[in-house]
């Protein structure tokens, strides 16, 4: 069963990544057809169809694997509930539909049923979260290893998107307004398999650090009950040595963030 679970995870990650790219393509990649030649229009339509075909192929490949996994648990009522919810995605061609967060509705439905089992539950994903937090805590070191000395926020998060991708294939950059009511916390990275969102902040002094924390705290309420993401990281890349990790932890605790919000302080140059 472990081998089957890993195959399902890999396929779900590949589908999630391709689906996000497809959603971005549909949302932002559509050209002005009046300005295209016949050949360019055909190229666009072919590209769009290939993306759809690839997603449909993966969705159809995923279904029997998940069915076999859940059926093997010998929970007939649970299995029947799963079939009742999943079948319409395939019968009504809803496989490509996305949520407001640009996640796949199909994958969201699969996760809802699979998360009940230890192989998939994020509560049992201690190793994965440990790997992620090691990466985030090493942000300054990793950037330095690539000879990157950030001068702005994008120069921090853009390389980290690619670095996180090596450990979490379903990691995706968040180039759209993830939470419409949020004013400060807008994630740079989303990892659907861990239901977590990550944002990097570039701060130059303790006053800015404290103000940014307050602004993020004001956004917490808007993320409560998010159907796709339940763990939120704020990584503060500090320029200079104006604050110690111990001082940062005290500041974070004094703000009384919920337990599912985690602050990480990294010391840049």
Protein backbone atom coordinates (compact mmCIF):
# COMPACT_ATOMS: atom_id res chain seq x y z
CA UNK A 1 0.00 0.00 0.00
CA UNK A 2 2.91 2.36 0.66
CA UNK A 3 4.07 1.97 -2.92
CA UNK A 4 0.56 2.69 -4.22
CA UNK A 5 0.28 5.73 -1.95
CA UNK A 6 3.56 7.11 -3.30
CA UNK A 7 2.39 6.62 -6.89
CA UNK A 8 -0.82 8.48 -6.09
CA UNK A 9 1.10 11.33 -4.43
CA UNK A 10 3.44 11.67 -7.42
CA UNK A 11 0.57 11.72 -9.89
CA UNK A 12 -1.45 14.18 -7.81
CA UNK A 13 1.58 16.48 -7.58
CA UNK A 14 2.14 16.31 -11.34
CA UNK A 15 -1.55 16.98 -12.01
CA UNK A 16 -1.65 19.90 -9.54
CA UNK A 17 1.41 21.51 -11.10
CA UNK A 18 0.14 21.09 -14.67
CA UNK A 19 -3.36 22.21 -13.70
CA UNK A 20 -2.02 25.42 -12.14
CA UNK A 21 -0.02 26.14 -15.30
CA UNK A 22 -3.15 25.49 -17.36
CA UNK A 23 -5.22 27.83 -15.17
CA UNK A 24 -2.60 30.58 -15.49
CA UNK A 25 -2.48 29.97 -19.24
CA UNK A 26 -6.27 30.34 -19.48
CA UNK A 27 -6.38 33.36 -17.19
CA UNK A 28 -3.40 35.36 -18.42
CA UNK A 29 -2.12 33.69 -21.57
CA UNK A 30 -5.06 34.27 -23.88
CA UNK A 31 -3.94 36.53 -26.74
CA UNK A 32 -5.88 39.09 -28.74
CA UNK A 33 -7.00 36.83 -31.59
CA UNK A 34 -7.62 39.83 -33.86
CA UNK A 35 -3.87 40.45 -33.87
CA UNK A 36 -2.85 36.85 -34.61
CA UNK A 37 -2.15 35.29 -37.94
CA UNK A 38 -3.97 32.09 -38.85
CA UNK A 39 -0.84 30.09 -38.05
CA UNK A 40 -0.40 31.76 -34.64
CA UNK A 41 -4.06 31.16 -33.78
CA UNK A 42 -3.75 27.48 -34.68
CA UNK A 43 -0.56 27.20 -32.61
CA UNK A 44 -2.36 28.68 -29.60
CA UNK A 45 -5.34 26.37 -30.00
CA UNK A 46 -3.05 23.35 -30.37
CA UNK A 47 -1.12 24.32 -27.24
CA UNK A 48 -4.36 24.75 -25.30
CA UNK A 49 -5.68 21.37 -26.47
CA UNK A 50 -2.43 19.61 -25.60
CA UNK A 51 -2.60 21.01 -22.07
CA UNK A 52 -6.19 19.80 -21.70
CA UNK A 53 -5.40 16.36 -23.12
CA UNK A 54 -2.44 15.93 -20.78
CA UNK A 55 -4.54 16.82 -17.73
CA UNK A 56 -7.39 14.54 -18.77
CA UNK A 57 -4.92 11.68 -19.30
CA UNK A 58 -3.47 12.15 -15.79
CA UNK A 59 -6.93 12.47 -14.23
CA UNK A 60 -8.06 9.21 -15.83
CA UNK A 61 -4.86 7.48 -14.74
CA UNK A 62 -5.30 8.71 -11.16
CA UNK A 63 -8.86 7.50 -10.66
CA UNK A 64 -8.28 3.69 -10.60
CA UNK A 65 -5.24 4.10 -8.35
CA UNK A 66 -7.20 6.01 -5.71
CA UNK A 67 -10.15 3.64 -6.06
CA UNK A 68 -7.86 0.66 -5.44
CA UNK A 69 -6.29 2.35 -2.41
CA UNK A 70 -9.58 3.26 -0.73
CA UNK A 71 -11.26 -0.04 -1.64
CA UNK A 72 -8.38 -1.92 0.01
CA UNK A 73 -9.23 -0.23 3.31
CA UNK A 74 -12.46 -2.30 3.46
CA UNK A 75 -14.69 0.64 4.36
CA UNK A 76 -17.64 0.11 1.99
CA UNK A 77 -19.68 3.15 3.08
CA UNK A 78 -16.63 5.42 2.83
CA UNK A 79 -15.73 3.93 -0.55
CA UNK A 80 -19.26 4.48 -1.87
CA UNK A 81 -19.24 8.09 -0.64
CA UNK A 82 -15.95 8.57 -2.47
CA UNK A 83 -17.39 7.19 -5.72
CA UNK A 84 -20.50 9.36 -5.37
CA UNK A 85 -18.39 12.52 -5.15
CA UNK A 86 -15.66 11.64 -7.66
CA UNK A 87 -17.72 10.07 -10.48
CA UNK A 88 -19.43 13.33 -11.59
CA UNK A 89 -16.02 14.89 -12.27
CA UNK A 90 -15.51 12.31 -14.99
CA UNK A 91 -19.06 12.01 -16.27
CA UNK A 92 -19.62 15.75 -16.56
CA UNK A 93 -16.08 16.65 -17.65
CA UNK A 94 -15.37 18.68 -14.54
CA UNK A 95 -11.81 17.38 -14.37
CA UNK A 96 -10.27 20.71 -15.37
CA UNK A 97 -12.28 23.02 -13.14
CA UNK A 98 -10.44 25.16 -10.60
CA UNK A 99 -11.22 26.81 -7.28
CA UNK A 100 -10.96 30.54 -6.55
CA UNK A 101 -7.42 29.81 -5.36
CA UNK A 102 -6.64 28.30 -8.79
CA UNK A 103 -6.34 24.83 -7.27
CA UNK A 104 -7.88 21.79 -8.92
CA UNK A 105 -11.40 20.93 -7.72
CA UNK A 106 -10.69 17.31 -8.63
CA UNK A 107 -7.52 17.10 -6.53
CA UNK A 108 -9.28 18.90 -3.69
CA UNK A 109 -11.97 16.19 -3.75
CA UNK A 110 -9.38 13.39 -3.83
CA UNK A 111 -7.49 14.92 -0.90
CA UNK A 112 -10.67 15.23 1.14
CA UNK A 113 -11.02 11.44 1.10
CA UNK A 114 -7.34 10.48 1.16
CA UNK A 115 -6.45 12.76 4.09
CA UNK A 116 -8.34 10.38 6.38
CA UNK A 117 -5.46 7.90 6.00
CA UNK A 118 -2.01 8.19 7.57
CA UNK A 119 -0.26 7.86 4.20
CA UNK A 120 -1.79 11.19 3.12
CA UNK A 121 -2.73 13.13 6.26
CA UNK A 122 -0.73 16.33 6.81
CA UNK A 123 -0.92 15.66 10.56
CA UNK A 124 1.39 12.73 9.90
CA UNK A 125 3.64 14.63 7.51
CA UNK A 126 6.21 15.47 10.18
CA UNK A 127 9.15 14.58 7.95
CA UNK A 128 7.88 16.74 5.08
CA UNK A 129 7.31 19.76 7.35
CA UNK A 130 10.74 19.24 8.89
CA UNK A 131 12.31 19.32 5.42
CA UNK A 132 10.33 22.42 4.49
CA UNK A 133 11.25 24.29 7.67
CA UNK A 134 14.91 23.36 7.23
CA UNK A 135 14.78 24.90 3.75
CA UNK A 136 13.03 28.05 4.97
CA UNK A 137 15.38 28.46 7.94
CA UNK A 138 18.30 28.13 5.53
CA UNK A 139 17.04 30.82 3.14
CA UNK A 140 19.98 33.18 3.69
CA UNK A 141 22.55 30.38 3.38
CA UNK A 142 20.93 28.93 0.24
CA UNK A 143 20.81 32.33 -1.46
CA UNK A 144 24.44 32.98 -0.53
CA UNK A 145 25.42 29.60 -2.00
CA UNK A 146 23.96 30.80 -5.30
CA UNK A 147 25.84 34.12 -4.97
CA UNK A 148 22.56 35.97 -4.51
CA UNK A 149 22.56 39.03 -2.26
CA UNK A 150 18.94 40.20 -2.28
CA UNK A 151 18.17 43.89 -2.52
CA UNK A 152 14.40 43.43 -2.60
CA UNK A 153 11.62 40.99 -1.70
CA UNK A 154 11.35 39.42 -5.19
CA UNK A 155 15.09 38.69 -5.11
CA UNK A 156 14.41 36.57 -2.02
CA UNK A 157 11.30 34.65 -3.00
CA UNK A 158 11.94 34.02 -6.71
CA UNK A 159 15.04 31.82 -6.15
CA UNK A 160 13.33 30.13 -3.19
CA UNK A 161 10.42 29.06 -5.40
CA UNK A 162 12.84 27.02 -7.53
CA UNK A 163 14.70 25.67 -4.49
CA UNK A 164 11.47 24.49 -2.83
CA UNK A 165 10.43 22.81 -6.07
CA UNK A 166 13.24 20.26 -5.74
CA UNK A 167 11.73 18.94 -2.49
CA UNK A 168 8.06 19.59 -3.21
CA UNK A 169 7.17 19.06 -6.88
CA UNK A 170 3.63 20.39 -6.42
CA UNK A 171 5.03 23.68 -5.11
CA UNK A 172 3.73 26.55 -7.19
CA UNK A 173 4.37 30.26 -7.28
CA UNK A 174 1.40 32.41 -6.41
CA UNK A 175 1.23 35.16 -9.01
CA UNK A 176 -2.40 36.06 -8.40
CA UNK A 177 -4.37 37.65 -5.54
CA UNK A 178 -4.70 34.57 -3.35
CA UNK A 179 -6.89 36.07 -0.63
CA UNK A 180 -8.93 39.05 -1.82
CA UNK A 181 -9.29 40.60 1.66
CA UNK A 182 -5.59 40.31 2.53
CA UNK A 183 -3.62 43.55 2.58
CA UNK A 184 -0.21 42.30 3.66
CA UNK A 185 -0.01 38.48 3.65
CA UNK A 186 -0.04 37.38 0.02
CA UNK A 187 1.79 34.03 -0.38
CA UNK A 188 4.70 33.65 -2.77
CA UNK A 189 4.61 29.84 -2.66
CA UNK A 190 1.77 27.35 -2.26
CA UNK A 191 2.31 23.65 -1.50
CA UNK A 192 -1.07 21.91 -1.90
CA UNK A 193 0.17 18.51 -0.66
CA UNK A 194 1.00 20.08 2.73
CA UNK A 195 -1.90 22.54 2.61
CA UNK A 196 0.58 25.31 3.31
CA UNK A 197 1.26 28.81 2.05
CA UNK A 198 4.56 30.68 2.37
CA UNK A 199 5.37 34.35 2.09
CA UNK A 200 8.76 36.02 2.25
CA UNK A 201 9.21 39.49 3.72
CA UNK A 202 12.27 41.70 3.23
CA UNK A 203 12.83 43.92 6.28
CA UNK A 204 15.55 46.47 7.02
CA UNK A 205 15.03 47.34 10.70
CA UNK A 206 13.12 46.27 13.79
CA UNK A 207 10.47 48.96 13.35
CA UNK A 208 9.64 47.62 9.87
CA UNK A 209 9.72 44.06 11.20
CA UNK A 210 7.25 44.89 13.97
CA UNK A 211 4.94 46.81 11.63
CA UNK A 212 4.93 43.97 9.09
CA UNK A 213 4.06 41.46 11.82
CA UNK A 214 1.10 43.64 12.85
CA UNK A 215 -0.09 43.88 9.24
CA UNK A 216 0.12 40.10 8.78
CA UNK A 217 -1.75 39.58 12.06
CA UNK A 218 -4.55 41.78 10.73
CA UNK A 219 -4.87 39.41 7.73
CA UNK A 220 -5.13 36.22 9.81
CA UNK A 221 -8.91 36.35 10.14
CA UNK A 222 -9.37 36.44 6.36
CA UNK A 223 -7.56 33.11 5.97
CA UNK A 224 -9.53 31.31 8.68
CA UNK A 225 -11.43 28.36 7.26
CA UNK A 226 -9.63 28.41 3.91
CA UNK A 227 -10.69 25.15 2.20
CA UNK A 228 -7.30 24.47 0.60
CA UNK A 229 -4.65 25.80 2.98
CA UNK A 230 -4.36 25.42 6.75
CA UNK A 231 -0.69 26.17 7.56
CA UNK A 232 0.87 29.58 6.93
CA UNK A 233 4.54 30.55 7.05
CA UNK A 234 5.97 34.07 7.16
CA UNK A 235 9.69 34.11 6.44
CA UNK A 236 11.37 37.40 7.34
CA UNK A 237 14.64 38.02 5.52
CA UNK A 238 16.41 40.63 7.64
CA UNK A 239 19.06 42.94 6.21
CA UNK A 240 21.71 43.54 8.84
CA UNK A 241 21.89 42.33 12.44
CA UNK A 242 19.26 44.51 14.10
CA UNK A 243 17.40 41.58 15.68
CA UNK A 244 18.34 38.16 17.05
CA UNK A 245 16.31 34.97 16.44
CA UNK A 246 15.51 34.92 20.17
CA UNK A 247 14.20 38.49 20.07
CA UNK A 248 12.17 37.66 16.95
CA UNK A 249 10.56 34.64 18.62
CA UNK A 250 9.55 36.79 21.60
CA UNK A 251 8.03 39.42 19.29
CA UNK A 252 6.11 36.74 17.36
CA UNK A 253 4.76 35.14 20.55
CA UNK A 254 3.69 38.53 21.93
CA UNK A 255 1.45 39.01 18.86
CA UNK A 256 -0.51 35.83 19.75
CA UNK A 257 -0.62 34.38 16.24
CA UNK A 258 -2.71 31.19 15.90
CA UNK A 259 -0.76 27.93 16.15
CA UNK A 260 -1.07 27.29 12.41
CA UNK A 261 0.80 30.53 11.64
CA UNK A 262 4.57 30.19 11.89
CA UNK A 263 7.15 32.97 11.78
CA UNK A 264 10.71 32.31 10.63
CA UNK A 265 13.55 34.82 10.94
CA UNK A 266 16.63 34.57 8.73
CA UNK A 267 19.65 36.83 8.91
CA UNK A 268 20.85 38.19 5.60
CA UNK A 269 23.74 40.54 4.93
